[in-house]
């Protein structure tokens, strides 16, 4: 799946990443400021390593020695941020369809009706972004990402800012994504209990390096 060996430098902060992802869901845990978001932004193409390579499914996305750098829009990787960032002038259906329209029909991995059913979005379909709760907006954000037909889904602390009740609503949907879709995912958080619930293989980002962790167990 995903293989990375790269260095990234920014002011007084640096990442030195060696990563080989084989399972469908990889969890990355670390304290705030440890570089979790920076790691994802390098993988998706928002940031560029100064040295090393990033490879996904035998396709080289970045290779500093061969001067390879695939632009973000060509990587077919979706990144879900902490905030849903929906288009405010569009309703839920229009937000979802916007992503779908960017993909040619023969290349669509997920169908609109399938995503709406999976994330239980039917009751929300004509609501605008300001009419959604935080949890509802994040579900729409996940749906929009799926309809972009990514080969890899990155989730950057998607439950940050949600209260306990909303987190308990969203986590089962994320578990369904893992169990029902053949889609590799990297889930970044600083809450180990989220990764335990999702039964994720987990590594820790500490001082710019990834470290293995013992298997997490649900309570």
N, C-alpha and C. Protein backbone atom coordinates (compact mmCIF):
# COMPACT_ATOMS: atom_id res chain seq x y z
N UNK A 1 0.82 -1.19 0.00
CA UNK A 1 0.00 0.00 0.00
C UNK A 1 0.86 1.26 0.00
N UNK A 2 1.10 1.81 1.20
CA UNK A 2 1.82 3.08 1.32
C UNK A 2 3.19 2.84 1.93
N UNK A 3 4.20 3.39 1.26
CA UNK A 3 5.57 3.34 1.79
C UNK A 3 6.14 4.75 1.75
N UNK A 4 6.69 5.18 2.87
CA UNK A 4 7.27 6.52 2.95
C UNK A 4 8.64 6.44 3.63
N UNK A 5 9.55 7.21 3.13
CA UNK A 5 10.84 7.42 3.79
C UNK A 5 11.30 8.81 3.38
N UNK A 6 10.96 9.81 4.20
CA UNK A 6 11.24 11.18 3.79
C UNK A 6 11.54 12.06 4.99
N UNK A 7 12.11 13.20 4.68
CA UNK A 7 12.39 14.23 5.68
C UNK A 7 11.69 15.52 5.25
N UNK A 8 11.13 16.19 6.25
CA UNK A 8 10.47 17.46 6.01
C UNK A 8 10.94 18.44 7.07
N UNK A 9 11.29 19.65 6.66
CA UNK A 9 11.82 20.66 7.57
C UNK A 9 10.99 21.92 7.49
N UNK A 10 10.64 22.47 8.66
CA UNK A 10 9.89 23.72 8.71
C UNK A 10 10.31 24.49 9.95
N UNK A 11 10.99 25.61 9.74
CA UNK A 11 11.47 26.43 10.85
C UNK A 11 12.24 25.56 11.85
N UNK A 12 11.77 25.49 13.10
CA UNK A 12 12.47 24.69 14.10
C UNK A 12 11.83 23.31 14.29
N UNK A 13 11.05 22.89 13.32
CA UNK A 13 10.35 21.61 13.41
C UNK A 13 10.75 20.72 12.23
N UNK A 14 10.98 19.44 12.50
CA UNK A 14 11.36 18.53 11.42
C UNK A 14 10.69 17.18 11.60
N UNK A 15 10.40 16.53 10.47
CA UNK A 15 9.89 15.17 10.45
C UNK A 15 10.92 14.28 9.78
N UNK A 16 11.10 13.09 10.34
CA UNK A 16 11.96 12.08 9.73
C UNK A 16 11.15 10.79 9.71
N UNK A 17 10.44 10.56 8.62
CA UNK A 17 9.40 9.54 8.58
C UNK A 17 9.83 8.30 7.82
N UNK A 18 9.71 7.15 8.47
CA UNK A 18 9.82 5.85 7.81
C UNK A 18 8.53 5.10 8.13
N UNK A 19 7.76 4.78 7.09
CA UNK A 19 6.43 4.20 7.29
C UNK A 19 6.15 3.20 6.18
N UNK A 20 5.63 2.04 6.58
CA UNK A 20 5.14 1.06 5.62
C UNK A 20 3.78 0.58 6.10
N UNK A 21 2.75 0.98 5.38
CA UNK A 21 1.36 0.66 5.73
C UNK A 21 0.90 -0.54 4.92
N UNK A 22 0.49 -1.61 5.61
CA UNK A 22 0.02 -2.81 4.93
C UNK A 22 -1.45 -3.09 5.22
N UNK A 23 -1.92 -2.73 6.40
CA UNK A 23 -3.32 -3.00 6.75
C UNK A 23 -4.22 -1.87 6.26
N UNK A 24 -5.53 -2.15 6.26
CA UNK A 24 -6.48 -1.19 5.70
C UNK A 24 -6.56 0.09 6.52
N UNK A 25 -6.43 -0.02 7.84
CA UNK A 25 -6.56 1.17 8.69
C UNK A 25 -5.34 1.32 9.57
N UNK A 26 -4.65 2.43 9.41
CA UNK A 26 -3.50 2.76 10.24
C UNK A 26 -3.86 3.96 11.10
N UNK A 27 -3.67 3.82 12.41
CA UNK A 27 -3.89 4.94 13.32
C UNK A 27 -2.56 5.56 13.71
N UNK A 28 -2.52 6.88 13.73
CA UNK A 28 -1.33 7.60 14.16
C UNK A 28 -1.71 8.49 15.32
N UNK A 29 -1.07 8.28 16.45
CA UNK A 29 -1.39 9.01 17.66
C UNK A 29 -0.19 9.88 18.04
N UNK A 30 -0.47 10.99 18.68
CA UNK A 30 0.60 11.87 19.12
C UNK A 30 0.01 13.11 19.75
N UNK A 31 0.81 13.77 20.57
CA UNK A 31 0.34 14.97 21.25
C UNK A 31 0.20 16.10 20.23
N UNK A 32 -0.52 17.14 20.62
CA UNK A 32 -0.66 18.31 19.75
C UNK A 32 0.72 18.90 19.45
N UNK A 33 0.94 19.21 18.18
CA UNK A 33 2.22 19.77 17.77
C UNK A 33 3.29 18.75 17.44
N UNK A 34 2.92 17.47 17.46
CA UNK A 34 3.92 16.43 17.19
C UNK A 34 4.17 16.23 15.70
N UNK A 35 3.31 16.81 14.84
CA UNK A 35 3.54 16.72 13.41
C UNK A 35 2.58 15.82 12.67
N UNK A 36 1.49 15.42 13.33
CA UNK A 36 0.54 14.50 12.70
C UNK A 36 -0.08 15.10 11.43
N UNK A 37 -0.57 16.33 11.55
CA UNK A 37 -1.18 16.99 10.39
C UNK A 37 -0.14 17.24 9.30
N UNK A 38 1.06 17.60 9.70
CA UNK A 38 2.14 17.82 8.73
C UNK A 38 2.44 16.56 7.95
N UNK A 39 2.43 15.43 8.61
CA UNK A 39 2.64 14.15 7.94
C UNK A 39 1.58 13.91 6.87
N UNK A 40 0.31 14.10 7.23
CA UNK A 40 -0.77 13.89 6.27
C UNK A 40 -0.66 14.86 5.09
N UNK A 41 -0.30 16.09 5.37
CA UNK A 41 -0.20 17.09 4.30
C UNK A 41 0.93 16.75 3.33
N UNK A 42 1.97 16.10 3.80
CA UNK A 42 3.02 15.63 2.90
C UNK A 42 2.52 14.50 2.02
N UNK A 43 1.73 13.60 2.61
CA UNK A 43 1.22 12.46 1.84
C UNK A 43 0.23 12.92 0.77
N UNK A 44 -0.67 13.87 1.12
CA UNK A 44 -1.69 14.30 0.18
C UNK A 44 -1.13 15.27 -0.86
N UNK A 45 -0.03 15.95 -0.53
CA UNK A 45 0.59 16.86 -1.49
C UNK A 45 0.44 18.33 -1.18
N UNK A 46 -0.08 18.67 -0.02
CA UNK A 46 -0.16 20.08 0.39
C UNK A 46 1.21 20.62 0.78
N UNK A 47 2.08 19.73 1.25
CA UNK A 47 3.46 20.08 1.58
C UNK A 47 4.38 19.13 0.82
N UNK A 48 5.62 19.53 0.67
CA UNK A 48 6.58 18.72 -0.10
C UNK A 48 7.82 18.43 0.74
N UNK A 49 8.17 17.14 0.89
CA UNK A 49 9.41 16.81 1.60
C UNK A 49 10.62 17.37 0.86
N UNK A 50 11.67 17.66 1.60
CA UNK A 50 12.86 18.15 0.92
C UNK A 50 13.76 16.98 0.51
N UNK A 51 13.49 15.80 1.08
CA UNK A 51 14.31 14.64 0.73
C UNK A 51 13.52 13.37 0.98
N UNK A 52 13.71 12.35 0.11
CA UNK A 52 13.09 11.05 0.32
C UNK A 52 12.01 10.74 -0.70
N UNK A 53 11.16 9.77 -0.35
CA UNK A 53 10.13 9.34 -1.31
C UNK A 53 8.83 9.00 -0.58
N UNK A 54 7.74 9.06 -1.33
CA UNK A 54 6.41 8.61 -0.90
C UNK A 54 5.85 7.78 -2.04
N UNK A 55 5.48 6.54 -1.75
CA UNK A 55 5.00 5.62 -2.77
C UNK A 55 3.67 5.01 -2.32
N UNK A 56 2.71 4.93 -3.25
CA UNK A 56 1.43 4.32 -2.94
C UNK A 56 1.04 3.37 -4.05
N UNK A 57 0.78 2.12 -3.67
CA UNK A 57 0.37 1.09 -4.65
C UNK A 57 1.28 1.07 -5.88
N UNK A 58 2.56 1.01 -5.64
CA UNK A 58 3.58 0.91 -6.69
C UNK A 58 3.74 2.19 -7.50
N UNK A 59 2.98 3.23 -7.18
CA UNK A 59 3.11 4.50 -7.89
C UNK A 59 3.94 5.47 -7.04
N UNK A 60 5.00 5.98 -7.60
CA UNK A 60 5.85 6.92 -6.88
C UNK A 60 5.21 8.31 -6.94
N UNK A 61 4.87 8.84 -5.78
CA UNK A 61 4.27 10.17 -5.69
C UNK A 61 5.32 11.25 -5.51
N UNK A 62 6.34 10.91 -4.74
CA UNK A 62 7.45 11.84 -4.48
C UNK A 62 8.73 11.03 -4.48
N UNK A 63 9.74 11.53 -5.16
CA UNK A 63 11.07 10.93 -5.10
C UNK A 63 12.07 12.04 -5.39
N UNK A 64 12.76 12.48 -4.35
CA UNK A 64 13.67 13.61 -4.51
C UNK A 64 14.85 13.27 -5.41
N UNK A 65 15.30 12.01 -5.42
CA UNK A 65 16.44 11.63 -6.25
C UNK A 65 16.09 11.61 -7.73
N UNK A 66 14.85 11.17 -8.04
CA UNK A 66 14.43 11.11 -9.43
C UNK A 66 13.67 12.36 -9.87
N UNK A 67 13.59 13.34 -8.98
CA UNK A 67 12.89 14.60 -9.26
C UNK A 67 11.43 14.36 -9.64
N UNK A 68 10.77 13.47 -8.89
CA UNK A 68 9.36 13.16 -9.11
C UNK A 68 8.54 13.87 -8.04
N UNK A 69 7.52 14.60 -8.48
CA UNK A 69 6.57 15.19 -7.54
C UNK A 69 5.21 15.25 -8.22
N UNK A 70 4.32 14.32 -7.86
CA UNK A 70 2.98 14.26 -8.43
C UNK A 70 2.11 15.31 -7.73
N UNK A 71 1.46 16.21 -8.48
CA UNK A 71 0.62 17.24 -7.85
C UNK A 71 -0.54 16.63 -7.07
N UNK A 72 -1.02 17.38 -6.10
CA UNK A 72 -2.06 16.89 -5.20
C UNK A 72 -3.29 16.40 -5.96
N UNK A 73 -3.74 17.13 -6.99
CA UNK A 73 -4.97 16.79 -7.68
C UNK A 73 -4.85 15.52 -8.51
N UNK A 74 -3.62 15.01 -8.68
CA UNK A 74 -3.43 13.78 -9.44
C UNK A 74 -3.17 12.56 -8.54
N UNK A 75 -3.17 12.74 -7.24
CA UNK A 75 -2.81 11.64 -6.34
C UNK A 75 -3.98 10.75 -5.97
N UNK A 76 -5.21 11.22 -6.15
CA UNK A 76 -6.41 10.48 -5.77
C UNK A 76 -6.36 10.08 -4.29
N UNK A 77 -5.99 11.06 -3.47
CA UNK A 77 -5.97 10.91 -2.02
C UNK A 77 -6.86 12.00 -1.44
N UNK A 78 -7.78 11.61 -0.55
CA UNK A 78 -8.69 12.58 0.06
C UNK A 78 -8.27 12.83 1.51
N UNK A 79 -8.30 14.09 1.91
CA UNK A 79 -7.94 14.48 3.28
C UNK A 79 -9.14 15.14 3.93
N UNK A 80 -9.58 14.59 5.06
CA UNK A 80 -10.68 15.15 5.84
C UNK A 80 -10.08 15.90 7.02
N UNK A 81 -10.38 17.19 7.11
CA UNK A 81 -9.81 18.03 8.15
C UNK A 81 -10.66 17.99 9.42
N UNK A 82 -10.16 18.66 10.45
CA UNK A 82 -10.89 18.74 11.72
C UNK A 82 -12.23 19.44 11.52
N UNK A 83 -12.25 20.48 10.69
CA UNK A 83 -13.48 21.20 10.39
C UNK A 83 -14.01 20.74 9.04
N UNK A 84 -15.32 20.61 8.94
CA UNK A 84 -15.93 20.02 7.75
C UNK A 84 -15.65 20.81 6.47
N UNK A 85 -15.60 22.14 6.56
CA UNK A 85 -15.30 23.01 5.42
C UNK A 85 -16.21 22.73 4.22
N UNK A 86 -17.51 22.70 4.46
CA UNK A 86 -18.48 22.53 3.39
C UNK A 86 -18.68 23.86 2.66
N UNK A 87 -19.15 23.79 1.42
CA UNK A 87 -19.49 25.01 0.69
C UNK A 87 -20.77 25.59 1.30
N UNK A 88 -20.72 26.78 1.89
CA UNK A 88 -21.88 27.29 2.63
C UNK A 88 -23.07 27.63 1.75
N UNK A 89 -22.84 27.95 0.48
CA UNK A 89 -23.95 28.33 -0.41
C UNK A 89 -24.64 27.12 -1.02
N UNK A 90 -24.13 25.92 -0.75
CA UNK A 90 -24.71 24.68 -1.29
C UNK A 90 -25.40 23.89 -0.19
N UNK A 91 -26.44 23.16 -0.56
CA UNK A 91 -27.02 22.23 0.40
C UNK A 91 -26.21 20.94 0.41
N UNK A 92 -26.62 19.99 1.24
CA UNK A 92 -25.85 18.76 1.41
C UNK A 92 -25.72 18.01 0.09
N UNK A 93 -26.83 17.89 -0.64
CA UNK A 93 -26.80 17.17 -1.90
C UNK A 93 -25.83 17.83 -2.88
N UNK A 94 -25.84 19.14 -2.94
CA UNK A 94 -24.96 19.85 -3.87
C UNK A 94 -23.50 19.71 -3.46
N UNK A 95 -23.22 19.71 -2.15
CA UNK A 95 -21.85 19.47 -1.69
C UNK A 95 -21.37 18.10 -2.11
N UNK A 96 -22.23 17.10 -1.96
CA UNK A 96 -21.86 15.74 -2.33
C UNK A 96 -21.67 15.60 -3.84
N UNK A 97 -22.61 16.15 -4.60
CA UNK A 97 -22.56 16.04 -6.05
C UNK A 97 -21.35 16.78 -6.64
N UNK A 98 -20.93 17.84 -5.96
CA UNK A 98 -19.78 18.60 -6.44
C UNK A 98 -18.56 17.68 -6.56
N UNK A 99 -18.34 16.88 -5.52
CA UNK A 99 -17.20 15.96 -5.54
C UNK A 99 -17.40 14.88 -6.59
N UNK A 100 -18.62 14.39 -6.70
CA UNK A 100 -18.91 13.31 -7.65
C UNK A 100 -18.66 13.77 -9.09
N UNK A 101 -19.03 15.01 -9.41
CA UNK A 101 -18.91 15.51 -10.78
C UNK A 101 -17.45 15.62 -11.23
N UNK A 102 -16.53 15.66 -10.28
CA UNK A 102 -15.11 15.79 -10.64
C UNK A 102 -14.52 14.46 -11.11
N UNK A 103 -15.30 13.38 -11.00
CA UNK A 103 -14.80 12.05 -11.35
C UNK A 103 -15.60 11.51 -12.53
N UNK A 104 -14.93 11.05 -13.57
CA UNK A 104 -15.62 10.46 -14.72
C UNK A 104 -16.39 9.22 -14.27
N UNK A 105 -17.56 9.00 -14.85
CA UNK A 105 -18.42 7.91 -14.41
C UNK A 105 -17.72 6.56 -14.37
N UNK A 106 -16.92 6.19 -15.37
CA UNK A 106 -16.27 4.87 -15.31
C UNK A 106 -15.27 4.73 -14.16
N UNK A 107 -14.82 5.85 -13.61
CA UNK A 107 -13.80 5.82 -12.56
C UNK A 107 -14.39 5.98 -11.16
N UNK A 108 -15.71 6.09 -11.05
CA UNK A 108 -16.32 6.30 -9.74
C UNK A 108 -16.33 5.00 -8.93
N UNK A 109 -15.73 5.07 -7.75
CA UNK A 109 -15.63 3.88 -6.90
C UNK A 109 -16.87 3.69 -6.04
N UNK A 110 -17.55 4.80 -5.71
CA UNK A 110 -18.72 4.75 -4.85
C UNK A 110 -19.85 5.52 -5.51
N UNK A 111 -21.06 5.03 -5.35
CA UNK A 111 -22.23 5.67 -5.93
C UNK A 111 -22.87 6.62 -4.91
N UNK A 112 -23.51 7.65 -5.43
CA UNK A 112 -24.14 8.65 -4.57
C UNK A 112 -25.10 8.01 -3.57
N UNK A 113 -25.99 7.15 -4.05
CA UNK A 113 -26.99 6.53 -3.17
C UNK A 113 -26.33 5.65 -2.12
N UNK A 114 -25.26 4.99 -2.50
CA UNK A 114 -24.54 4.12 -1.56
C UNK A 114 -23.95 4.92 -0.41
N UNK A 115 -23.34 6.06 -0.73
CA UNK A 115 -22.72 6.90 0.29
C UNK A 115 -23.78 7.52 1.20
N UNK A 116 -24.87 8.00 0.60
CA UNK A 116 -25.95 8.59 1.39
C UNK A 116 -26.52 7.57 2.37
N UNK A 117 -26.69 6.34 1.92
CA UNK A 117 -27.22 5.30 2.80
C UNK A 117 -26.22 4.92 3.87
N UNK A 118 -24.97 4.77 3.50
CA UNK A 118 -23.93 4.36 4.44
C UNK A 118 -23.80 5.35 5.60
N UNK A 119 -23.89 6.64 5.29
CA UNK A 119 -23.70 7.69 6.30
C UNK A 119 -25.01 8.26 6.81
N UNK A 120 -26.14 7.67 6.37
CA UNK A 120 -27.47 8.09 6.81
C UNK A 120 -27.68 9.59 6.63
N UNK A 121 -27.48 10.03 5.40
CA UNK A 121 -27.57 11.46 5.09
C UNK A 121 -28.91 11.86 4.47
N UNK A 122 -29.79 10.91 4.19
CA UNK A 122 -31.06 11.23 3.52
C UNK A 122 -31.85 12.33 4.21
N UNK A 123 -31.97 12.34 5.55
CA UNK A 123 -32.76 13.40 6.20
C UNK A 123 -32.13 14.79 6.08
N UNK A 124 -30.86 14.84 5.70
CA UNK A 124 -30.13 16.12 5.68
C UNK A 124 -29.97 16.68 4.28
N UNK A 125 -30.45 16.00 3.27
CA UNK A 125 -30.01 16.20 1.90
C UNK A 125 -30.25 17.61 1.38
N UNK A 126 -31.29 18.31 1.88
CA UNK A 126 -31.59 19.66 1.39
C UNK A 126 -31.22 20.76 2.39
N UNK A 127 -30.51 20.41 3.42
CA UNK A 127 -30.08 21.41 4.40
C UNK A 127 -28.80 22.09 3.95
N UNK A 128 -28.67 23.38 4.32
CA UNK A 128 -27.43 24.11 4.09
C UNK A 128 -26.46 23.83 5.24
N UNK A 129 -25.21 24.17 5.04
CA UNK A 129 -24.18 23.87 6.03
C UNK A 129 -24.51 24.45 7.41
N UNK A 130 -25.06 25.68 7.44
CA UNK A 130 -25.32 26.32 8.73
C UNK A 130 -26.48 25.66 9.49
N UNK A 131 -27.20 24.77 8.81
CA UNK A 131 -28.32 24.07 9.45
C UNK A 131 -27.90 22.70 9.99
N UNK A 132 -26.63 22.38 9.91
CA UNK A 132 -26.14 21.08 10.35
C UNK A 132 -25.42 21.19 11.69
N UNK A 133 -25.53 20.15 12.49
CA UNK A 133 -24.71 20.07 13.70
C UNK A 133 -23.28 19.73 13.30
N UNK A 134 -22.37 19.81 14.26
CA UNK A 134 -20.98 19.49 13.96
C UNK A 134 -20.81 18.07 13.46
N UNK A 135 -21.52 17.14 14.10
CA UNK A 135 -21.44 15.75 13.69
C UNK A 135 -22.04 15.51 12.32
N UNK A 136 -23.15 16.17 12.03
CA UNK A 136 -23.78 16.02 10.71
C UNK A 136 -22.88 16.58 9.62
N UNK A 137 -22.29 17.74 9.88
CA UNK A 137 -21.40 18.35 8.89
C UNK A 137 -20.20 17.46 8.61
N UNK A 138 -19.67 16.83 9.65
CA UNK A 138 -18.51 15.97 9.44
C UNK A 138 -18.88 14.73 8.65
N UNK A 139 -20.09 14.20 8.85
CA UNK A 139 -20.55 13.07 8.04
C UNK A 139 -20.67 13.46 6.57
N UNK A 140 -21.15 14.67 6.31
CA UNK A 140 -21.24 15.15 4.94
C UNK A 140 -19.84 15.30 4.35
N UNK A 141 -18.91 15.79 5.15
CA UNK A 141 -17.53 15.94 4.70
C UNK A 141 -16.93 14.59 4.32
N UNK A 142 -17.22 13.58 5.13
CA UNK A 142 -16.74 12.23 4.83
C UNK A 142 -17.37 11.72 3.53
N UNK A 143 -18.68 11.96 3.39
CA UNK A 143 -19.37 11.54 2.18
C UNK A 143 -18.81 12.21 0.94
N UNK A 144 -18.54 13.49 1.04
CA UNK A 144 -17.97 14.22 -0.10
C UNK A 144 -16.60 13.67 -0.47
N UNK A 145 -15.81 13.33 0.54
CA UNK A 145 -14.50 12.74 0.28
C UNK A 145 -14.63 11.40 -0.44
N UNK A 146 -15.58 10.57 -0.01
CA UNK A 146 -15.77 9.26 -0.64
C UNK A 146 -16.19 9.42 -2.10
N UNK A 147 -17.04 10.40 -2.38
CA UNK A 147 -17.53 10.58 -3.74
C UNK A 147 -16.47 11.17 -4.68
N UNK A 148 -15.36 11.59 -4.14
CA UNK A 148 -14.23 11.97 -4.98
C UNK A 148 -13.45 10.74 -5.45
N UNK A 149 -13.91 9.55 -5.02
CA UNK A 149 -13.33 8.26 -5.43
C UNK A 149 -11.83 8.16 -5.13
N UNK A 150 -11.44 8.39 -3.88
CA UNK A 150 -10.02 8.32 -3.56
C UNK A 150 -9.52 6.87 -3.48
N UNK A 151 -8.22 6.72 -3.66
CA UNK A 151 -7.59 5.42 -3.42
C UNK A 151 -7.07 5.32 -1.99
N UNK A 152 -7.00 6.45 -1.31
CA UNK A 152 -6.54 6.50 0.08
C UNK A 152 -7.29 7.63 0.77
N UNK A 153 -7.78 7.38 1.99
CA UNK A 153 -8.52 8.37 2.76
C UNK A 153 -7.74 8.73 4.01
N UNK A 154 -7.44 10.01 4.18
CA UNK A 154 -6.72 10.51 5.35
C UNK A 154 -7.69 11.29 6.22
N UNK A 155 -7.70 10.99 7.52
CA UNK A 155 -8.59 11.67 8.45
C UNK A 155 -7.75 12.36 9.52
N UNK A 156 -7.79 13.68 9.53
CA UNK A 156 -6.96 14.47 10.43
C UNK A 156 -7.79 14.91 11.63
N UNK A 157 -7.76 14.12 12.69
CA UNK A 157 -8.51 14.39 13.92
C UNK A 157 -9.95 14.79 13.61
N UNK A 158 -10.70 13.92 12.94
CA UNK A 158 -12.04 14.30 12.47
C UNK A 158 -13.05 14.53 13.58
N UNK A 159 -12.75 14.11 14.81
CA UNK A 159 -13.70 14.28 15.90
C UNK A 159 -13.33 15.42 16.84
N UNK A 160 -12.28 16.14 16.52
CA UNK A 160 -11.88 17.28 17.35
C UNK A 160 -12.97 18.34 17.36
N UNK A 161 -13.29 18.84 18.54
CA UNK A 161 -14.31 19.88 18.67
C UNK A 161 -15.71 19.36 18.86
N UNK A 162 -15.90 18.04 18.71
CA UNK A 162 -17.23 17.46 18.91
C UNK A 162 -17.36 16.99 20.36
N UNK A 163 -18.55 17.15 20.94
CA UNK A 163 -18.74 16.67 22.30
C UNK A 163 -18.85 15.15 22.31
N UNK A 164 -18.89 14.58 23.50
CA UNK A 164 -18.87 13.12 23.64
C UNK A 164 -20.04 12.47 22.91
N UNK A 165 -21.21 13.08 22.99
CA UNK A 165 -22.38 12.52 22.32
C UNK A 165 -22.19 12.45 20.81
N UNK A 166 -21.66 13.53 20.22
CA UNK A 166 -21.45 13.54 18.78
C UNK A 166 -20.34 12.58 18.36
N UNK A 167 -19.31 12.47 19.19
CA UNK A 167 -18.25 11.50 18.89
C UNK A 167 -18.81 10.08 18.85
N UNK A 168 -19.70 9.78 19.79
CA UNK A 168 -20.31 8.45 19.84
C UNK A 168 -21.22 8.21 18.64
N UNK A 169 -21.69 9.28 18.01
CA UNK A 169 -22.48 9.13 16.78
C UNK A 169 -21.58 8.88 15.57
N UNK A 170 -20.45 9.57 15.49
CA UNK A 170 -19.60 9.49 14.31
C UNK A 170 -18.77 8.22 14.27
N UNK A 171 -18.27 7.78 15.40
CA UNK A 171 -17.38 6.62 15.42
C UNK A 171 -17.99 5.37 14.76
N UNK A 172 -19.27 5.05 15.01
CA UNK A 172 -19.84 3.89 14.31
C UNK A 172 -19.84 4.03 12.79
N UNK A 173 -20.02 5.26 12.28
CA UNK A 173 -19.96 5.46 10.83
C UNK A 173 -18.54 5.20 10.31
N UNK A 174 -17.53 5.65 11.07
CA UNK A 174 -16.16 5.39 10.67
C UNK A 174 -15.84 3.90 10.71
N UNK A 175 -16.42 3.22 11.70
CA UNK A 175 -16.22 1.76 11.79
C UNK A 175 -16.85 1.07 10.58
N UNK A 176 -18.00 1.57 10.14
CA UNK A 176 -18.65 1.00 8.95
C UNK A 176 -17.80 1.22 7.71
N UNK A 177 -17.18 2.39 7.60
CA UNK A 177 -16.28 2.63 6.47
C UNK A 177 -15.18 1.58 6.45
N UNK A 178 -14.61 1.32 7.61
CA UNK A 178 -13.52 0.35 7.69
C UNK A 178 -14.01 -1.06 7.35
N UNK A 179 -15.18 -1.42 7.86
CA UNK A 179 -15.66 -2.79 7.72
C UNK A 179 -16.29 -3.08 6.36
N UNK A 180 -16.88 -2.05 5.73
CA UNK A 180 -17.68 -2.30 4.53
C UNK A 180 -17.06 -1.81 3.23
N UNK A 181 -16.05 -0.95 3.32
CA UNK A 181 -15.44 -0.41 2.10
C UNK A 181 -14.00 -0.90 1.96
N UNK A 182 -13.64 -1.21 0.76
CA UNK A 182 -12.27 -1.62 0.47
C UNK A 182 -11.46 -0.36 0.18
N UNK A 183 -11.20 0.40 1.25
CA UNK A 183 -10.55 1.69 1.10
C UNK A 183 -9.51 1.87 2.20
N UNK A 184 -8.23 1.95 1.87
CA UNK A 184 -7.21 2.18 2.89
C UNK A 184 -7.40 3.55 3.55
N UNK A 185 -7.17 3.59 4.86
CA UNK A 185 -7.37 4.83 5.61
C UNK A 185 -6.25 5.04 6.62
N UNK A 186 -5.88 6.29 6.80
CA UNK A 186 -4.98 6.68 7.89
C UNK A 186 -5.76 7.65 8.78
N UNK A 187 -5.82 7.31 10.06
CA UNK A 187 -6.63 8.07 11.01
C UNK A 187 -5.69 8.66 12.07
N UNK A 188 -5.65 9.98 12.11
CA UNK A 188 -4.76 10.70 13.02
C UNK A 188 -5.57 11.26 14.19
N UNK A 189 -5.06 11.09 15.40
CA UNK A 189 -5.76 11.58 16.58
C UNK A 189 -4.78 11.67 17.75
N UNK A 190 -5.20 12.27 18.85
CA UNK A 190 -4.44 12.13 20.08
C UNK A 190 -5.27 11.42 21.15
N UNK A 191 -6.34 10.74 20.69
CA UNK A 191 -7.20 9.98 21.60
C UNK A 191 -7.10 8.49 21.27
N UNK A 192 -6.40 7.76 22.11
CA UNK A 192 -6.19 6.33 21.87
C UNK A 192 -7.50 5.54 21.84
N UNK A 193 -8.50 6.01 22.59
CA UNK A 193 -9.75 5.25 22.66
C UNK A 193 -10.45 5.21 21.30
N UNK A 194 -10.28 6.24 20.48
CA UNK A 194 -10.87 6.24 19.14
C UNK A 194 -10.25 5.13 18.29
N UNK A 195 -8.93 5.00 18.36
CA UNK A 195 -8.24 3.98 17.57
C UNK A 195 -8.54 2.58 18.09
N UNK A 196 -8.73 2.45 19.40
CA UNK A 196 -9.08 1.16 19.96
C UNK A 196 -10.46 0.73 19.47
N UNK A 197 -11.40 1.66 19.42
CA UNK A 197 -12.75 1.36 18.94
C UNK A 197 -12.71 0.91 17.48
N UNK A 198 -11.88 1.55 16.69
CA UNK A 198 -11.78 1.24 15.27
C UNK A 198 -10.89 0.04 14.98
N UNK A 199 -10.27 -0.50 16.03
CA UNK A 199 -9.38 -1.66 15.89
C UNK A 199 -8.28 -1.38 14.87
N UNK A 200 -7.64 -0.25 15.04
CA UNK A 200 -6.62 0.19 14.09
C UNK A 200 -5.24 -0.28 14.51
N UNK A 201 -4.45 -0.67 13.54
CA UNK A 201 -3.02 -0.81 13.78
C UNK A 201 -2.48 0.58 14.08
N UNK A 202 -1.71 0.73 15.15
CA UNK A 202 -1.40 2.08 15.64
C UNK A 202 0.10 2.29 15.80
N UNK A 203 0.54 3.47 15.36
CA UNK A 203 1.91 3.91 15.61
C UNK A 203 1.84 5.28 16.28
N UNK A 204 2.93 5.64 16.94
CA UNK A 204 2.99 6.92 17.65
C UNK A 204 4.00 7.84 16.99
N UNK A 205 3.60 9.10 16.81
CA UNK A 205 4.51 10.10 16.29
C UNK A 205 5.09 10.87 17.48
N UNK A 206 6.39 10.77 17.65
CA UNK A 206 7.05 11.36 18.81
C UNK A 206 8.35 12.01 18.36
N UNK A 207 8.45 13.32 18.57
CA UNK A 207 9.64 14.09 18.21
C UNK A 207 10.02 13.87 16.74
N UNK A 208 8.99 13.88 15.90
CA UNK A 208 9.22 13.81 14.46
C UNK A 208 9.47 12.43 13.90
N UNK A 209 9.36 11.39 14.74
CA UNK A 209 9.58 10.02 14.27
C UNK A 209 8.43 9.12 14.69
N UNK A 210 8.16 8.11 13.86
CA UNK A 210 7.11 7.15 14.16
C UNK A 210 7.68 5.98 14.96
N UNK A 211 6.90 5.57 15.96
CA UNK A 211 7.31 4.46 16.81
C UNK A 211 6.16 3.47 16.91
N UNK A 212 6.47 2.19 16.93
CA UNK A 212 5.42 1.17 17.07
C UNK A 212 4.85 1.20 18.47
N UNK A 213 3.60 0.74 18.57
CA UNK A 213 2.90 0.69 19.86
C UNK A 213 2.30 -0.69 20.02
N UNK A 214 2.08 -1.12 21.29
CA UNK A 214 1.38 -2.40 21.50
C UNK A 214 -0.05 -2.33 20.98
N UNK A 215 -0.62 -3.49 20.67
CA UNK A 215 -1.98 -3.55 20.14
C UNK A 215 -2.96 -2.98 21.14
N UNK A 216 -3.87 -2.13 20.63
CA UNK A 216 -4.86 -1.51 21.48
C UNK A 216 -6.02 -2.46 21.72
N UNK A 217 -6.62 -2.37 22.88
CA UNK A 217 -7.76 -3.20 23.20
C UNK A 217 -8.92 -2.33 23.62
N UNK A 218 -10.10 -2.70 23.13
CA UNK A 218 -11.30 -1.97 23.55
C UNK A 218 -11.66 -2.35 24.96
N UNK A 219 -12.30 -1.41 25.68
CA UNK A 219 -12.69 -1.68 27.06
C UNK A 219 -13.93 -2.51 27.11
